[in-house]
Amino acid sequence: MIRRLVARSLFWRRVQAGLLQRELAERANIDPSTVGRAERGAPQRLETLRRIADALGVTPAELELPPPTLPDLKQPPEPRTTWATWSRRAAPSRSAR
């Protein structure tokens, strides 16, 4: 139960900070897949949680607090538009050719 709470809190704080998992991982000096696993509730070492908390500007204990707006987590954040996603949307579909 506590892992799920930390996972939700971590996800919410990362989104509020406007960071991608990769960006948070760079700030925390950890592998990006570790951030993803932590957000899914996988067990993490205390040192890893401390690094993530430091990168987010909070204490490790604050990661155990529920995020203020849990219902917002049901809606995923807007994805960042990259050249690849924009060009796929701008290109005509194969059925239109």
C-alpha atoms as a PDB file:
ATOM      1  CA  MET A   1       0.000   0.000   0.000  1.00  0.00           C
ATOM      2  CA  ILE A   2       2.791   2.439   0.888  1.00  0.00           C
ATOM      3  CA  ARG A   3       4.585   1.688  -2.403  1.00  0.00           C
ATOM      4  CA  ARG A   4       1.444   2.603  -4.351  1.00  0.00           C
ATOM      5  CA  LEU A   5       1.150   5.861  -2.406  1.00  0.00           C
ATOM      6  CA  VAL A   6       4.808   6.716  -3.063  1.00  0.00           C
ATOM      7  CA  ALA A   7       4.346   5.810  -6.735  1.00  0.00           C
ATOM      8  CA  ARG A   8       1.331   8.108  -7.138  1.00  0.00           C
ATOM      9  CA  SER A   9       3.027  10.900  -5.228  1.00  0.00           C
ATOM     10  CA  LEU A  10       6.185  10.543  -7.293  1.00  0.00           C
ATOM     11  CA  PHE A  11       4.241  10.606 -10.566  1.00  0.00           C
ATOM     12  CA  TRP A  12       2.196  13.629  -9.506  1.00  0.00           C
ATOM     13  CA  ARG A  13       5.239  15.582  -8.313  1.00  0.00           C
ATOM     14  CA  ARG A  14       7.146  14.804 -11.517  1.00  0.00           C
ATOM     15  CA  VAL A  15       4.243  15.944 -13.709  1.00  0.00           C
ATOM     16  CA  GLN A  16       3.760  19.092 -11.617  1.00  0.00           C
ATOM     17  CA  ALA A  17       7.464  19.859 -12.052  1.00  0.00           C
ATOM     18  CA  GLY A  18       7.008  19.483 -15.812  1.00  0.00           C
ATOM     19  CA  LEU A  19       9.638  16.757 -16.073  1.00  0.00           C
ATOM     20  CA  LEU A  20       9.821  13.694 -18.251  1.00  0.00           C
ATOM     21  CA  GLN A  21      10.984  10.482 -16.611  1.00  0.00           C
ATOM     22  CA  ARG A  22      14.276  10.829 -18.478  1.00  0.00           C
ATOM     23  CA  GLU A  23      14.776  14.383 -17.184  1.00  0.00           C
ATOM     24  CA  LEU A  24      14.065  13.377 -13.592  1.00  0.00           C
ATOM     25  CA  ALA A  25      16.468  10.456 -13.948  1.00  0.00           C
ATOM     26  CA  GLU A  26      19.208  12.792 -15.182  1.00  0.00           C
ATOM     27  CA  ARG A  27      18.671  15.141 -12.238  1.00  0.00           C
ATOM     28  CA  ALA A  28      18.696  12.223  -9.787  1.00  0.00           C
ATOM     29  CA  ASN A  29      21.653  10.535 -11.496  1.00  0.00           C
ATOM     30  CA  ILE A  30      19.767   7.256 -11.913  1.00  0.00           C
ATOM     31  CA  ASP A  31      18.643   5.132 -14.850  1.00  0.00           C
ATOM     32  CA  PRO A  32      15.398   6.322 -16.519  1.00  0.00           C
ATOM     33  CA  SER A  33      13.883   2.845 -16.190  1.00  0.00           C
ATOM     34  CA  THR A  34      14.262   3.164 -12.408  1.00  0.00           C
ATOM     35  CA  VAL A  35      11.944   6.185 -12.415  1.00  0.00           C
ATOM     36  CA  GLY A  36       9.370   4.235 -14.417  1.00  0.00           C
ATOM     37  CA  ARG A  37       9.549   1.272 -12.064  1.00  0.00           C
ATOM     38  CA  ALA A  38       9.215   3.558  -9.032  1.00  0.00           C
ATOM     39  CA  GLU A  39       6.118   5.185 -10.569  1.00  0.00           C
ATOM     40  CA  ARG A  40       4.605   1.732 -11.065  1.00  0.00           C
ATOM     41  CA  GLY A  41       5.160   0.870  -7.396  1.00  0.00           C
ATOM     42  CA  ALA A  42       8.139  -1.463  -7.692  1.00  0.00           C
ATOM     43  CA  PRO A  43      10.311  -1.690  -4.567  1.00  0.00           C
ATOM     44  CA  GLN A  44      13.146   0.851  -4.495  1.00  0.00           C
ATOM     45  CA  ARG A  45      16.195   1.288  -2.298  1.00  0.00           C
ATOM     46  CA  LEU A  46      16.061   4.161   0.167  1.00  0.00           C
ATOM     47  CA  GLU A  47      19.070   5.759  -1.522  1.00  0.00           C
ATOM     48  CA  THR A  48      17.191   5.780  -4.837  1.00  0.00           C
ATOM     49  CA  LEU A  49      14.137   7.400  -3.242  1.00  0.00           C
ATOM     50  CA  ARG A  50      16.396   9.968  -1.565  1.00  0.00           C
ATOM     51  CA  ARG A  51      17.971  10.869  -4.915  1.00  0.00           C
ATOM     52  CA  ILE A  52      14.565  11.195  -6.579  1.00  0.00           C
ATOM     53  CA  ALA A  53      13.244  13.317  -3.715  1.00  0.00           C
ATOM     54  CA  ASP A  54      16.302  15.594  -3.869  1.00  0.00           C
ATOM     55  CA  ALA A  55      15.842  15.994  -7.634  1.00  0.00           C
ATOM     56  CA  LEU A  56      12.195  16.988  -7.060  1.00  0.00           C
ATOM     57  CA  GLY A  57      13.091  19.370  -4.229  1.00  0.00           C
ATOM     58  CA  VAL A  58      11.204  17.463  -1.519  1.00  0.00           C
ATOM     59  CA  THR A  59      12.160  15.252   1.397  1.00  0.00           C
ATOM     60  CA  PRO A  60      11.848  11.472   1.102  1.00  0.00           C
ATOM     61  CA  ALA A  61       9.110  11.628   3.768  1.00  0.00           C
ATOM     62  CA  GLU A  62       7.080  13.965   1.536  1.00  0.00           C
ATOM     63  CA  LEU A  63       6.950  11.223  -1.101  1.00  0.00           C
ATOM     64  CA  GLU A  64       4.813   9.251   1.368  1.00  0.00           C
ATOM     65  CA  LEU A  65       2.183  11.992   1.486  1.00  0.00           C
ATOM     66  CA  PRO A  66      -0.780  11.665  -0.878  1.00  0.00           C
ATOM     67  CA  PRO A  67      -0.759  14.105  -3.765  1.00  0.00           C
ATOM     68  CA  PRO A  68      -3.218  16.983  -3.323  1.00  0.00           C
ATOM     69  CA  THR A  69      -5.213  16.116  -6.447  1.00  0.00           C
ATOM     70  CA  LEU A  70      -5.412  12.354  -6.794  1.00  0.00           C
ATOM     71  CA  PRO A  71      -8.431  12.465  -9.154  1.00  0.00           C
ATOM     72  CA  ASP A  72      -6.267  14.344 -11.684  1.00  0.00           C
ATOM     73  CA  LEU A  73      -4.123  11.239 -12.012  1.00  0.00           C
ATOM     74  CA  LYS A  74      -6.911   9.507 -13.932  1.00  0.00           C
ATOM     75  CA  GLN A  75      -6.269  11.814 -16.868  1.00  0.00           C
ATOM     76  CA  PRO A  76      -2.746  11.442 -18.260  1.00  0.00           C
ATOM     77  CA  PRO A  77      -0.847  14.662 -18.813  1.00  0.00           C
ATOM     78  CA  GLU A  78      -0.714  16.092 -22.317  1.00  0.00           C
ATOM     79  CA  PRO A  79       2.220  14.535 -24.132  1.00  0.00           C
ATOM     80  CA  ARG A  80       4.914  16.870 -25.290  1.00  0.00           C
ATOM     81  CA  THR A  81       4.794  17.415 -29.000  1.00  0.00           C
ATOM     82  CA  THR A  82       7.961  16.277 -30.686  1.00  0.00           C
ATOM     83  CA  TRP A  83       8.885  16.439 -34.329  1.00  0.00           C
ATOM     84  CA  ALA A  84       8.078  12.725 -34.717  1.00  0.00           C
ATOM     85  CA  THR A  85       4.571  13.018 -33.239  1.00  0.00           C
ATOM     86  CA  TRP A  86       3.828  16.245 -35.111  1.00  0.00           C
ATOM     87  CA  SER A  87       4.996  14.867 -38.454  1.00  0.00           C
ATOM     88  CA  ARG A  88       2.864  11.728 -38.011  1.00  0.00           C
ATOM     89  CA  ARG A  89      -0.194  13.909 -37.378  1.00  0.00           C
ATOM     90  CA  ALA A  90       0.627  16.244 -40.286  1.00  0.00           C
ATOM     91  CA  ALA A  91       1.314  13.481 -42.814  1.00  0.00           C
ATOM     92  CA  PRO A  92      -1.659  12.305 -44.879  1.00  0.00           C
ATOM     93  CA  SER A  93      -2.963   8.890 -43.960  1.00  0.00           C
ATOM     94  CA  ARG A  94      -2.271   5.994 -46.283  1.00  0.00           C
ATOM     95  CA  SER A  95      -5.981   5.514 -46.938  1.00  0.00           C
ATOM     96  CA  ALA A  96      -6.233   9.114 -48.234  1.00  0.00           C
ATOM     97  CA  ARG A  97      -3.590   8.526 -50.910  1.00  0.00           C
END
